Protein backbone atom coordinates (compact mmCIF):
# COMPACT_ATOMS: atom_id res chain seq x y z
CA UNK A 1 19.36 -2.36 15.72
CA UNK A 2 22.96 -2.35 17.08
CA UNK A 3 25.38 -3.50 14.31
CA UNK A 4 22.84 -3.10 11.52
CA UNK A 5 23.53 -0.97 8.42
CA UNK A 6 19.86 -0.26 7.72
CA UNK A 7 16.48 -0.41 9.43
CA UNK A 8 13.65 -0.91 6.92
CA UNK A 9 10.58 0.09 8.92
CA UNK A 10 7.53 -1.52 7.21
CA UNK A 11 5.39 -2.20 10.29
CA UNK A 12 2.05 -0.37 10.58
CA UNK A 13 -1.68 -0.79 11.12
CA UNK A 14 -2.96 -1.02 7.48
CA UNK A 15 -6.16 -1.73 5.59
CA UNK A 16 -9.19 0.49 5.22
CA UNK A 17 -11.45 -1.83 7.19
CA UNK A 18 -9.10 -2.10 10.17
CA UNK A 19 -8.41 1.66 10.21
CA UNK A 20 -12.14 2.40 10.30
CA UNK A 21 -12.81 -0.27 12.97
CA UNK A 22 -9.91 0.69 15.20
CA UNK A 23 -9.01 4.34 14.73
CA UNK A 24 -7.25 4.82 18.06
CA UNK A 25 -5.01 1.77 17.64
CA UNK A 26 -4.18 2.90 14.11
CA UNK A 27 -3.05 6.30 15.14
CA UNK A 28 -1.12 5.23 18.24
CA UNK A 29 0.67 2.25 16.61
CA UNK A 30 1.60 4.17 13.47
CA UNK A 31 2.84 7.44 15.04
CA UNK A 32 4.42 6.08 18.27
CA UNK A 33 5.90 3.07 16.47
CA UNK A 34 7.70 5.17 13.89
CA UNK A 35 8.84 7.55 16.67
CA UNK A 36 10.30 4.68 18.59
CA UNK A 37 12.22 3.37 15.59
CA UNK A 38 13.65 6.78 14.75
CA UNK A 39 14.55 7.67 18.33
CA UNK A 40 16.41 4.40 18.87
CA UNK A 41 18.20 4.66 15.58
CA UNK A 42 19.30 8.17 16.36
CA UNK A 43 21.14 6.97 19.43
CA UNK A 44 23.37 4.72 17.31
CA UNK A 45 26.16 5.52 14.87
CA UNK A 46 26.41 4.51 11.29
CA UNK A 47 22.80 3.32 10.87
CA UNK A 48 20.28 4.43 8.30
CA UNK A 49 16.45 4.17 8.36
CA UNK A 50 13.95 3.68 5.57
CA UNK A 51 10.36 4.45 6.58
CA UNK A 52 7.50 3.08 4.55
CA UNK A 53 4.79 5.60 3.83
CA UNK A 54 1.74 5.32 1.57
CA UNK A 55 -0.04 6.71 -1.41
CA UNK A 56 -2.91 7.56 1.01
CA UNK A 57 -0.89 10.67 2.00
CA UNK A 58 -1.96 12.29 -1.31
CA UNK A 59 -5.50 12.45 0.02
CA UNK A 60 -8.22 13.61 -2.26
CA UNK A 61 -5.95 15.30 -4.82
CA UNK A 62 -7.19 15.24 -8.38
CA UNK A 63 -3.68 15.96 -9.80
CA UNK A 64 -2.53 12.81 -11.53
CA UNK A 65 0.08 11.39 -11.59
CA UNK A 66 0.98 12.15 -7.98
CA UNK A 67 4.46 13.73 -7.56
CA UNK A 68 6.39 13.57 -4.34
CA UNK A 69 6.34 17.40 -3.77
CA UNK A 70 2.63 17.85 -4.52
CA UNK A 71 0.25 19.62 -2.18
CA UNK A 72 -2.61 17.50 -0.98
CA UNK A 73 -6.21 17.69 0.42
CA UNK A 74 -7.13 15.36 3.30
CA UNK A 75 -10.75 14.68 4.15
CA UNK A 76 -12.58 15.78 7.35
CA UNK A 77 -11.45 14.53 10.77
CA UNK A 78 -14.82 12.82 11.60
CA UNK A 79 -14.27 10.39 8.69
CA UNK A 80 -12.05 7.72 10.25
CA UNK A 81 -10.41 6.47 7.07
CA UNK A 82 -8.42 9.71 6.81
CA UNK A 83 -6.80 8.99 10.16
CA UNK A 84 -4.47 6.49 8.50
CA UNK A 85 -3.34 9.07 5.89
CA UNK A 86 -2.79 11.56 8.68
CA UNK A 87 -0.61 9.17 10.67
CA UNK A 88 1.58 8.52 7.74
CA UNK A 89 1.90 12.24 6.96
CA UNK A 90 3.06 12.69 10.58
CA UNK A 91 5.45 9.79 10.21
CA UNK A 92 6.98 11.56 7.13
CA UNK A 93 7.30 14.88 8.98
CA UNK A 94 8.84 13.07 11.94
CA UNK A 95 11.25 11.19 9.68
CA UNK A 96 12.38 14.38 7.93
CA UNK A 97 12.68 15.99 11.37
CA UNK A 98 15.18 13.44 12.43
CA UNK A 99 17.07 13.87 9.22
CA UNK A 100 17.21 17.65 9.51
CA UNK A 101 17.64 18.06 13.27
CA UNK A 102 19.56 14.92 14.33
CA UNK A 103 21.29 14.22 11.01
CA UNK A 104 19.87 10.67 10.90
CA UNK A 105 20.22 9.34 7.31
CA UNK A 106 16.72 8.48 6.15
CA UNK A 107 14.72 7.61 3.08
CA UNK A 108 10.87 7.73 2.81
CA UNK A 109 9.32 5.21 0.51
CA UNK A 110 5.75 6.24 -0.42
CA UNK A 111 4.38 2.86 -1.46
CA UNK A 112 1.37 2.52 -3.79
CA UNK A 113 -0.92 -0.52 -3.98
CA UNK A 114 1.32 -3.63 -3.77
CA UNK A 115 0.12 -7.23 -4.13
CA UNK A 116 1.40 -10.81 -4.40
CA UNK A 117 1.06 -14.29 -3.07
CA UNK A 118 0.40 -14.67 0.70
CA UNK A 119 -1.31 -11.24 0.95
CA UNK A 120 -4.71 -11.56 2.71
CA UNK A 121 -7.94 -9.73 2.05
CA UNK A 122 -9.06 -9.58 5.70
CA UNK A 123 -8.49 -5.88 6.24
CA UNK A 124 -9.58 -4.52 2.85
CA UNK A 125 -6.86 -5.65 0.36
CA UNK A 126 -8.90 -5.86 -2.81
CA UNK A 127 -7.06 -8.36 -5.05
CA UNK A 128 -6.85 -11.30 -2.56
CA UNK A 129 -10.38 -10.63 -1.46
CA UNK A 130 -11.72 -10.73 -5.05
CA UNK A 131 -9.65 -13.78 -5.92
CA UNK A 132 -10.89 -15.66 -2.84
CA UNK A 133 -14.47 -14.76 -3.68
CA UNK A 134 -14.07 -15.92 -7.27
CA UNK A 135 -12.55 -19.24 -6.27
CA UNK A 136 -15.21 -19.94 -3.68
CA UNK A 137 -18.09 -19.11 -6.01
CA UNK A 138 -19.19 -16.11 -3.93
CA UNK A 139 -20.17 -12.74 -5.55
CA UNK A 140 -17.20 -10.51 -6.35
CA UNK A 141 -17.91 -7.38 -4.25
CA UNK A 142 -16.87 -4.16 -5.89
CA UNK A 143 -17.22 -1.07 -3.74
CA UNK A 144 -18.89 2.01 -5.20
CA UNK A 145 -19.47 1.94 -8.93
CA UNK A 146 -16.03 0.36 -9.60
CA UNK A 147 -14.79 3.25 -11.71
CA UNK A 148 -12.06 4.16 -9.23
CA UNK A 149 -8.65 3.26 -10.61
CA UNK A 150 -5.51 1.91 -8.97
CA UNK A 151 -2.03 0.84 -10.09
CA UNK A 152 -0.94 -2.52 -8.65
CA UNK A 153 2.77 -3.34 -8.21
CA UNK A 154 4.06 -6.83 -7.77
CA UNK A 155 5.59 -7.32 -4.33
CA UNK A 156 8.89 -8.66 -5.69
CA UNK A 157 9.31 -5.50 -7.81
CA UNK A 158 8.50 -3.30 -4.83
CA UNK A 159 11.08 -5.13 -2.66
CA UNK A 160 13.72 -4.78 -5.36
CA UNK A 161 13.04 -1.05 -5.54
CA UNK A 162 13.29 -0.63 -1.76
CA UNK A 163 16.59 -2.58 -1.73
CA UNK A 164 18.05 -0.57 -4.62
CA UNK A 165 17.22 2.73 -2.86
CA UNK A 166 19.30 1.67 0.16
CA UNK A 167 22.31 1.35 -2.06
CA UNK A 168 22.07 4.83 -3.56
CA UNK A 169 23.48 7.89 -1.78
CA UNK A 170 21.29 10.20 -3.85
CA UNK A 171 18.27 8.81 -2.08
CA UNK A 172 19.25 9.91 1.42
CA UNK A 173 16.87 12.59 2.82
CA UNK A 174 14.38 12.15 -0.02
CA UNK A 175 10.85 10.84 -0.60
CA UNK A 176 10.11 8.35 -3.40
CA UNK A 177 6.95 6.99 -4.90
CA UNK A 178 7.20 3.23 -5.35
CA UNK A 179 4.55 1.71 -7.55
CA UNK A 180 3.42 0.59 -10.97
CA UNK A 181 1.97 3.10 -13.45
CA UNK A 182 -0.38 0.52 -15.04
CA UNK A 183 -3.83 2.02 -14.19
CA UNK A 184 -6.94 -0.20 -13.98
CA UNK A 185 -10.44 0.36 -12.69
CA UNK A 186 -11.60 -1.90 -9.88
CA UNK A 187 -14.56 -3.06 -11.96
CA UNK A 188 -12.17 -4.08 -14.82
CA UNK A 189 -9.98 -5.75 -12.24
CA UNK A 190 -12.92 -7.86 -11.00
CA UNK A 191 -13.76 -8.88 -14.54
CA UNK A 192 -10.14 -9.92 -15.09
CA UNK A 193 -10.12 -12.05 -11.94
CA UNK A 194 -13.47 -13.67 -12.93
CA UNK A 195 -12.04 -14.52 -16.35
CA UNK A 196 -8.62 -15.73 -15.16
CA UNK A 197 -10.13 -17.98 -12.49
CA UNK A 198 -12.91 -19.25 -14.78
CA UNK A 199 -15.36 -18.33 -12.01
CA UNK A 200 -19.11 -18.22 -12.59
CA UNK A 201 -19.57 -15.76 -9.74
CA UNK A 202 -21.42 -12.59 -10.41
CA UNK A 203 -19.98 -9.10 -9.79
CA UNK A 204 -21.88 -7.21 -7.16
CA UNK A 205 -21.59 -3.40 -6.64
CA UNK A 206 -21.79 -2.42 -2.94
CA UNK A 207 -22.08 1.22 -1.70
CA UNK A 208 -19.13 2.33 0.38
CA UNK A 209 -21.41 3.31 3.25
CA UNK A 210 -22.54 -0.33 3.65
CA UNK A 211 -18.93 -1.51 4.12
CA UNK A 212 -17.14 1.24 5.93
CA UNK A 213 -18.81 4.35 7.36
CA UNK A 214 -21.17 7.09 6.27
CA UNK A 215 -19.33 9.72 4.35
CA UNK A 216 -16.44 7.40 3.40
CA UNK A 217 -14.59 8.91 0.46
CA UNK A 218 -12.42 7.05 -1.97
CA UNK A 219 -9.89 8.54 -4.36
CA UNK A 220 -11.08 8.29 -7.94
CA UNK A 221 -7.54 7.74 -9.24
CA UNK A 222 -4.26 6.83 -7.61
CA UNK A 223 -1.35 6.93 -10.04
CA UNK A 224 2.31 7.59 -9.05
CA UNK A 225 4.85 9.65 -10.86
CA UNK A 226 7.99 7.52 -10.84
CA UNK A 227 10.43 9.99 -12.39
CA UNK A 228 12.49 10.33 -9.15
CA UNK A 229 12.64 6.55 -8.73
CA UNK A 230 13.87 6.03 -12.27
CA UNK A 231 16.54 8.79 -11.78
CA UNK A 232 17.67 7.05 -8.59
CA UNK A 233 17.61 3.36 -9.37
CA UNK A 234 16.90 3.09 -13.10
CA UNK A 235 13.78 0.93 -12.95
CA UNK A 236 10.26 0.85 -11.64
CA UNK A 237 7.80 -1.98 -10.81
CA UNK A 238 6.28 -3.08 -14.12
CA UNK A 239 5.12 -6.69 -13.83
CA UNK A 240 1.83 -6.84 -15.90
CA UNK A 241 -1.38 -7.00 -13.93
CA UNK A 242 -2.38 -10.33 -15.51
CA UNK A 243 0.83 -11.97 -14.38
CA UNK A 244 0.36 -10.58 -10.86
CA UNK A 245 -3.14 -11.93 -10.71
CA UNK A 246 -2.11 -15.36 -11.96
CA UNK A 247 0.55 -15.51 -9.24
CA UNK A 248 -2.07 -14.79 -6.59
CA UNK A 249 -4.63 -17.15 -8.07
CA UNK A 250 -2.17 -20.07 -8.24
CA UNK A 251 -1.17 -19.51 -4.66
CA UNK A 252 -4.73 -19.26 -3.41
CA UNK A 253 -5.75 -22.41 -5.23
CA UNK A 254 -2.90 -24.35 -3.72
CA UNK A 255 -3.78 -23.10 -0.25
CA UNK A 256 -7.44 -24.03 -0.68
CA UNK A 257 -6.41 -27.50 -1.98
CA UNK A 258 -4.13 -28.09 0.95
CA UNK A 259 -6.80 -26.89 3.39
CA UNK A 260 -9.42 -29.22 1.83
CA UNK A 261 -6.99 -32.17 2.00
CA UNK A 262 -6.18 -31.48 5.60
CA UNK A 263 -9.79 -31.38 6.65
CA UNK A 264 -10.84 -34.63 5.01
């Protein structure tokens, strides 16, 4: 870190499947990792830290859109998926602790669903998983009844927002939602992907308990309030969902083509 102006701390264990499969690793890596970054940064002069948090910290709240100062409800501790949300809540408390106690300049970026080329579906990322299924002719697996809604931001927009925050003194010591406000249900998302890929795959509804764990709860809606972000940097991620999907589809088709050529 020595000589740097900013540390942008994006590293974490992520993805619902990985969090459920490896709860201990998820907690230790996320909490201790952030603590290590903050502690080392606090030893240096003239360095600032941005810590990436997550929309998962809003828990099971039904108040939409989510605002940065909202209260939240987190599920029971025997349901492993909530461990990830808890780690990022601790990360936020720890970050603000270093700001308040050690005067370390910090920003917390509470990032909502972000997607783009090169993202993989291995650990539960829904868009690359559905695109890969559509392109390979496999059923598009939608968890639950598909009525749950999300807002997907294009990765380039999210990166631009993160960068702009680091250049704004107003942002120091504050928490910001970063995400799109274009809400779409997962079932509608699957239908869009099927249409845009021209896939003949069917859409298959799969109960959450068959994929994750008994008692797994999913938020019915996840929509950010971006008023603070607009006030700070003057823009929000707003690339249309169809354009985002096409970017991902084109990249996955190219990768599949290159893989097939290489294995001939």
